[in-house]
C-alpha atoms as a PDB file:
ATOM      1  CA  MET A   1      -0.004  -0.011   0.008  1.00  0.00           C
ATOM      2  CA  ALA A   2       1.457   3.330  -1.090  1.00  0.00           C
ATOM      3  CA  LYS A   3       1.754   6.138   1.502  1.00  0.00           C
ATOM      4  CA  VAL A   4      -0.258   9.271   0.784  1.00  0.00           C
ATOM      5  CA  LYS A   5       1.807  12.313   1.616  1.00  0.00           C
ATOM      6  CA  LYS A   6      -0.130  14.624   3.803  1.00  0.00           C
ATOM      7  CA  PRO A   7       0.297  18.274   2.855  1.00  0.00           C
ATOM      8  CA  GLY A   8       2.362  20.050   5.479  1.00  0.00           C
ATOM      9  CA  PRO A   9       2.840  23.718   6.278  1.00  0.00           C
ATOM     10  CA  TYR A  10       6.064  23.915   4.209  1.00  0.00           C
ATOM     11  CA  ILE A  11       6.851  23.964   0.516  1.00  0.00           C
ATOM     12  CA  TRP A  12      10.302  22.531  -0.160  1.00  0.00           C
ATOM     13  CA  GLY A  13      12.839  23.296  -2.852  1.00  0.00           C
ATOM     14  CA  THR A  14      16.398  22.157  -3.443  1.00  0.00           C
ATOM     15  CA  GLY A  15      19.009  24.299  -5.128  1.00  0.00           C
ATOM     16  CA  ARG A  16      22.619  23.481  -6.190  1.00  0.00           C
ATOM     17  CA  ARG A  17      25.526  25.581  -7.558  1.00  0.00           C
ATOM     18  CA  LYS A  18      29.174  24.595  -7.781  1.00  0.00           C
ATOM     19  CA  THR A  19      29.631  22.387  -4.651  1.00  0.00           C
ATOM     20  CA  SER A  20      26.934  24.087  -2.578  1.00  0.00           C
ATOM     21  CA  VAL A  21      23.559  22.567  -1.736  1.00  0.00           C
ATOM     22  CA  ALA A  22      20.607  24.522  -0.279  1.00  0.00           C
ATOM     23  CA  ARG A  23      17.443  22.991   1.169  1.00  0.00           C
ATOM     24  CA  VAL A  24      14.695  25.738   1.133  1.00  0.00           C
ATOM     25  CA  ARG A  25      11.413  25.705   3.051  1.00  0.00           C
ATOM     26  CA  LEU A  26       8.796  28.276   2.340  1.00  0.00           C
ATOM     27  CA  LYS A  27       5.996  28.922   4.796  1.00  0.00           C
ATOM     28  CA  GLU A  28       2.959  30.950   3.731  1.00  0.00           C
ATOM     29  CA  SER A  29       2.474  33.279   6.664  1.00  0.00           C
ATOM     30  CA  GLY A  30       3.002  36.893   5.563  1.00  0.00           C
ATOM     31  CA  SER A  31       5.741  38.137   7.897  1.00  0.00           C
ATOM     32  CA  GLY A  32       8.675  37.874   5.437  1.00  0.00           C
ATOM     33  CA  LYS A  33      11.127  36.202   7.898  1.00  0.00           C
ATOM     34  CA  PHE A  34      14.359  34.892   6.165  1.00  0.00           C
ATOM     35  CA  LEU A  35      16.676  32.538   8.046  1.00  0.00           C
ATOM     36  CA  VAL A  36      19.821  30.931   6.589  1.00  0.00           C
ATOM     37  CA  ASN A  37      21.329  28.241   8.893  1.00  0.00           C
ATOM     38  CA  LYS A  38      19.262  29.567  11.769  1.00  0.00           C
ATOM     39  CA  ARG A  39      20.781  33.043  11.284  1.00  0.00           C
ATOM     40  CA  GLU A  40      19.215  36.144   9.765  1.00  0.00           C
ATOM     41  CA  MET A  41      19.864  36.513   6.072  1.00  0.00           C
ATOM     42  CA  THR A  42      21.472  39.998   6.599  1.00  0.00           C
ATOM     43  CA  GLU A  43      23.765  38.413   9.142  1.00  0.00           C
ATOM     44  CA  PHE A  44      24.637  35.397   7.041  1.00  0.00           C
ATOM     45  CA  PHE A  45      25.281  37.401   3.807  1.00  0.00           C
ATOM     46  CA  CYS A  46      27.305  40.503   4.542  1.00  0.00           C
ATOM     47  CA  ASN A  47      27.656  41.418   0.825  1.00  0.00           C
ATOM     48  CA  ILE A  48      24.764  43.342  -0.754  1.00  0.00           C
ATOM     49  CA  ASP A  49      25.145  41.506  -4.014  1.00  0.00           C
ATOM     50  CA  GLU A  50      24.634  38.148  -2.411  1.00  0.00           C
ATOM     51  CA  ARG A  51      21.514  39.393  -0.501  1.00  0.00           C
ATOM     52  CA  GLN A  52      20.023  40.680  -3.741  1.00  0.00           C
ATOM     53  CA  ARG A  53      20.756  37.447  -5.569  1.00  0.00           C
ATOM     54  CA  VAL A  54      18.969  35.478  -2.863  1.00  0.00           C
ATOM     55  CA  LEU A  55      15.889  37.795  -2.834  1.00  0.00           C
ATOM     56  CA  ALA A  56      15.623  38.123  -6.656  1.00  0.00           C
ATOM     57  CA  PRO A  57      13.240  35.155  -7.194  1.00  0.00           C
ATOM     58  CA  LEU A  58      10.925  36.451  -4.511  1.00  0.00           C
ATOM     59  CA  ARG A  59      10.941  39.959  -6.050  1.00  0.00           C
ATOM     60  CA  ALA A  60      10.376  38.618  -9.520  1.00  0.00           C
ATOM     61  CA  ALA A  61       7.304  36.746  -8.270  1.00  0.00           C
ATOM     62  CA  ASP A  62       6.308  39.770  -6.190  1.00  0.00           C
ATOM     63  CA  VAL A  63       5.822  37.662  -2.989  1.00  0.00           C
ATOM     64  CA  GLU A  64       8.662  39.128  -0.793  1.00  0.00           C
ATOM     65  CA  LYS A  65       6.472  39.625   2.320  1.00  0.00           C
ATOM     66  CA  THR A  66       4.131  36.667   1.628  1.00  0.00           C
ATOM     67  CA  TYR A  67       6.441  33.813   2.632  1.00  0.00           C
ATOM     68  CA  ASP A  68       8.751  32.898   5.529  1.00  0.00           C
ATOM     69  CA  VAL A  69      11.935  31.373   4.117  1.00  0.00           C
ATOM     70  CA  PHE A  70      14.025  28.902   6.061  1.00  0.00           C
ATOM     71  CA  VAL A  71      17.283  27.632   4.418  1.00  0.00           C
ATOM     72  CA  THR A  72      19.822  25.056   5.300  1.00  0.00           C
ATOM     73  CA  THR A  73      22.868  25.270   3.157  1.00  0.00           C
ATOM     74  CA  LEU A  74      26.204  23.501   3.181  1.00  0.00           C
ATOM     75  CA  GLY A  75      29.339  23.188   0.996  1.00  0.00           C
ATOM     76  CA  GLY A  76      31.124  25.647  -1.198  1.00  0.00           C
ATOM     77  CA  GLY A  77      31.501  29.346  -0.498  1.00  0.00           C
ATOM     78  CA  ILE A  78      29.235  32.269  -0.131  1.00  0.00           C
ATOM     79  CA  THR A  79      28.764  32.851  -3.877  1.00  0.00           C
ATOM     80  CA  GLY A  80      27.835  29.209  -4.534  1.00  0.00           C
ATOM     81  CA  GLN A  81      25.506  29.145  -1.519  1.00  0.00           C
ATOM     82  CA  SER A  82      23.649  32.262  -2.582  1.00  0.00           C
ATOM     83  CA  GLY A  83      23.184  30.837  -6.090  1.00  0.00           C
ATOM     84  CA  ALA A  84      21.944  27.536  -4.648  1.00  0.00           C
ATOM     85  CA  ILE A  85      19.474  29.348  -2.315  1.00  0.00           C
ATOM     86  CA  ALA A  86      18.081  31.417  -5.236  1.00  0.00           C
ATOM     87  CA  LEU A  87      17.432  28.221  -7.242  1.00  0.00           C
ATOM     88  CA  GLY A  88      15.871  26.504  -4.281  1.00  0.00           C
ATOM     89  CA  ILE A  89      13.554  29.425  -3.620  1.00  0.00           C
ATOM     90  CA  ALA A  90      12.515  29.598  -7.301  1.00  0.00           C
ATOM     91  CA  ARG A  91      11.755  25.889  -7.382  1.00  0.00           C
ATOM     92  CA  ALA A  92       9.706  26.059  -4.142  1.00  0.00           C
ATOM     93  CA  LEU A  93       7.753  29.077  -5.496  1.00  0.00           C
ATOM     94  CA  LEU A  94       6.994  27.089  -8.688  1.00  0.00           C
ATOM     95  CA  LYS A  95       5.574  24.221  -6.540  1.00  0.00           C
ATOM     96  CA  ALA A  96       3.485  26.670  -4.534  1.00  0.00           C
ATOM     97  CA  ASN A  97       2.130  28.496  -7.510  1.00  0.00           C
ATOM     98  CA  PRO A  98       2.782  27.133 -11.064  1.00  0.00           C
ATOM     99  CA  GLU A  99       1.405  30.380 -12.573  1.00  0.00           C
ATOM    100  CA  LEU A 100       4.698  32.081 -11.543  1.00  0.00           C
ATOM    101  CA  GLU A 101       6.710  30.046 -14.057  1.00  0.00           C
ATOM    102  CA  PRO A 102       6.826  32.639 -16.883  1.00  0.00           C
ATOM    103  CA  SER A 103       8.156  35.451 -14.555  1.00  0.00           C
ATOM    104  CA  LEU A 104      10.703  33.027 -12.953  1.00  0.00           C
ATOM    105  CA  ARG A 105      11.776  31.739 -16.377  1.00  0.00           C
ATOM    106  CA  GLU A 106      12.223  35.190 -17.735  1.00  0.00           C
ATOM    107  CA  GLY A 107      14.678  36.061 -14.926  1.00  0.00           C
ATOM    108  CA  ARG A 108      16.475  32.750 -15.451  1.00  0.00           C
ATOM    109  CA  TYR A 109      15.845  31.737 -11.841  1.00  0.00           C
ATOM    110  CA  LEU A 110      14.745  28.190 -12.697  1.00  0.00           C
ATOM    111  CA  THR A 111      17.937  27.331 -14.713  1.00  0.00           C
ATOM    112  CA  ARG A 112      20.676  25.559 -12.827  1.00  0.00           C
ATOM    113  CA  ASP A 113      24.165  27.017 -13.319  1.00  0.00           C
ATOM    114  CA  SER A 114      26.134  23.907 -14.400  1.00  0.00           C
ATOM    115  CA  ARG A 115      29.572  25.444 -14.344  1.00  0.00           C
ATOM    116  CA  GLN A 116      32.052  23.619 -12.154  1.00  0.00           C
ATOM    117  CA  LYS A 117      35.684  24.124 -11.256  1.00  0.00           C
ATOM    118  CA  GLU A 118      38.081  22.629 -13.856  1.00  0.00           C
ATOM    119  CA  ARG A 119      40.213  19.799 -12.609  1.00  0.00           C
ATOM    120  CA  LYS A 120      44.004  20.096 -12.220  1.00  0.00           C
ATOM    121  CA  LYS A 121      46.038  18.346 -14.928  1.00  0.00           C
ATOM    122  CA  TYR A 122      49.359  16.566 -14.415  1.00  0.00           C
ATOM    123  CA  GLY A 123      52.416  18.379 -15.610  1.00  0.00           C
ATOM    124  CA  ARG A 124      50.803  21.749 -14.775  1.00  0.00           C
ATOM    125  CA  ARG A 125      50.500  23.908 -11.664  1.00  0.00           C
ATOM    126  CA  GLY A 126      46.666  24.246 -11.976  1.00  0.00           C
ATOM    127  CA  ALA A 127      43.952  23.451 -14.473  1.00  0.00           C
ATOM    128  CA  ARG A 128      45.668  25.390 -17.224  1.00  0.00           C
ATOM    129  CA  ARG A 129      48.669  27.280 -15.786  1.00  0.00           C
ATOM    130  CA  GLY A 130      51.945  25.541 -16.298  1.00  0.00           C
ATOM    131  CA  PHE A 131      55.052  25.665 -14.115  1.00  0.00           C
ATOM    132  CA  GLN A 132      57.334  28.685 -14.395  1.00  0.00           C
ATOM    133  CA  PHE A 133      59.999  28.067 -17.017  1.00  0.00           C
ATOM    134  CA  SER A 134      63.560  29.084 -16.407  1.00  0.00           C
ATOM    135  CA  LYS A 135      65.997  29.222 -19.410  1.00  0.00           C
ATOM    136  CA  ARG A 136      69.049  29.278 -17.115  1.00  0.00           C
END
């Protein structure tokens, strides 16, 4: 017998970028609270660019104060985590309201950024940079 999933108070979305993973929960309440790893978003992201990247899907859908956002993120750095959170929020918003898809697609918030770090090759100092050559 298959389990029937009972609808809970949260809408989930998962986002990934580089090596970062973000699990996003949206709660329809109206206060606009935003927590990242149990810290305020403004405390977690000190850079204004990262804050704007994270809030961009909510602004595109015009639901900034409609949802409470709770995020658990791990791996990578601040830039990767902000990109992962933005994708997770966009996916959760799409689950909550499929009519938002055109505005989210237009802003490219539903497209996963597939760029990864290029691997180091043997005989070189990095992915492409060679060792310093000395003639003498």
